[in-house]
């Protein structure tokens, strides 16, 4: 996954770190593969997934409105 600079800073994560993303009653670990630097201010923190992974955290309707992340110090499992 690729967080934007705001989310990466808030979560204190960098390239190569693993983060757990929770959605729809489940959680999955993802490796941070880059940090997105938007050309202009974005009103909320944003993350991107590879096309093959993008549907996993999506709602049953196939769209994502909001995802909450929780960070902690130490390695993620899963």
Protein backbone atom coordinates (compact mmCIF):
# COMPACT_ATOMS: atom_id res chain seq x y z
CA UNK A 1 0.00 0.00 0.00
CA UNK A 2 1.04 3.58 -0.52
CA UNK A 3 -0.08 6.18 2.04
CA UNK A 4 0.07 9.87 1.31
CA UNK A 5 2.59 12.00 3.21
CA UNK A 6 0.01 13.09 5.81
CA UNK A 7 -1.02 9.53 6.68
CA UNK A 8 2.58 8.26 6.68
CA UNK A 9 3.58 11.04 9.08
CA UNK A 10 0.60 10.46 11.40
CA UNK A 11 1.16 6.69 11.44
CA UNK A 12 4.95 7.08 11.73
CA UNK A 13 5.53 4.61 8.88
CA UNK A 14 7.98 4.54 6.03
CA UNK A 15 8.79 2.46 2.98
CA UNK A 16 9.26 -1.19 3.93
CA UNK A 17 7.18 -1.01 7.13
CA UNK A 18 4.15 -3.27 7.55
CA UNK A 19 0.77 -1.87 8.60
CA UNK A 20 -2.49 -3.59 9.47
CA UNK A 21 -5.59 -2.29 7.69
CA UNK A 22 -8.96 -3.19 9.21
CA UNK A 23 -12.15 -3.20 7.13
CA UNK A 24 -15.49 -4.99 7.32
CA UNK A 25 -14.66 -7.06 10.39
CA UNK A 26 -11.27 -8.28 9.22
CA UNK A 27 -7.69 -7.04 9.16
CA UNK A 28 -4.78 -7.68 6.84
CA UNK A 29 -1.12 -6.66 6.91
CA UNK A 30 0.29 -4.66 3.99
CA UNK A 31 3.83 -3.53 3.25
CA UNK A 32 4.35 0.19 2.62
CA UNK A 33 5.87 0.29 -0.87
CA UNK A 34 6.01 4.06 -1.31
CA UNK A 35 4.81 7.42 -0.03
CA UNK A 36 2.52 9.53 -2.27
CA UNK A 37 3.28 13.24 -2.37
CA UNK A 38 0.20 15.05 -3.71
CA UNK A 39 0.74 18.10 -5.90
CA UNK A 40 -1.81 20.02 -3.83
CA UNK A 41 -3.41 19.77 -0.40
CA UNK A 42 -5.74 16.80 0.02
CA UNK A 43 -8.52 17.29 2.62
CA UNK A 44 -8.12 13.85 4.23
CA UNK A 45 -5.44 11.21 4.58
CA UNK A 46 -5.35 8.87 1.59
CA UNK A 47 -3.89 5.45 0.79
CA UNK A 48 -3.52 3.52 -2.43
CA UNK A 49 -3.41 -0.23 -3.11
CA UNK A 50 -2.21 -2.31 -6.05
CA UNK A 51 -5.05 -3.22 -8.41
CA UNK A 52 -4.95 -6.86 -7.28
CA UNK A 53 -5.43 -5.77 -3.64
CA UNK A 54 -7.78 -2.83 -4.08
CA UNK A 55 -10.99 -4.84 -3.75
CA UNK A 56 -10.03 -6.52 -0.46
CA UNK A 57 -10.80 -3.57 1.86
CA UNK A 58 -13.72 -2.36 -0.31
CA UNK A 59 -17.31 -2.41 0.83
CA UNK A 60 -19.67 -4.99 -0.68
CA UNK A 61 -20.74 -2.30 -3.15
CA UNK A 62 -17.19 -2.19 -4.52
CA UNK A 63 -16.37 1.29 -3.27
CA UNK A 64 -14.41 2.61 -0.32
CA UNK A 65 -15.51 5.74 1.50
CA UNK A 66 -13.39 5.63 4.66
CA UNK A 67 -10.89 3.27 6.22
CA UNK A 68 -9.61 3.63 9.77
CA UNK A 69 -6.06 2.70 10.61
CA UNK A 70 -4.55 1.94 13.98
CA UNK A 71 -0.81 1.99 14.39
CA UNK A 72 1.48 0.53 17.01
CA UNK A 73 5.19 0.21 17.50
CA UNK A 74 6.59 -3.18 16.53
CA UNK A 75 6.22 -5.67 13.71
CA UNK A 76 2.81 -6.49 12.29
CA UNK A 77 1.77 -10.08 11.87
CA UNK A 78 -0.37 -11.60 9.16
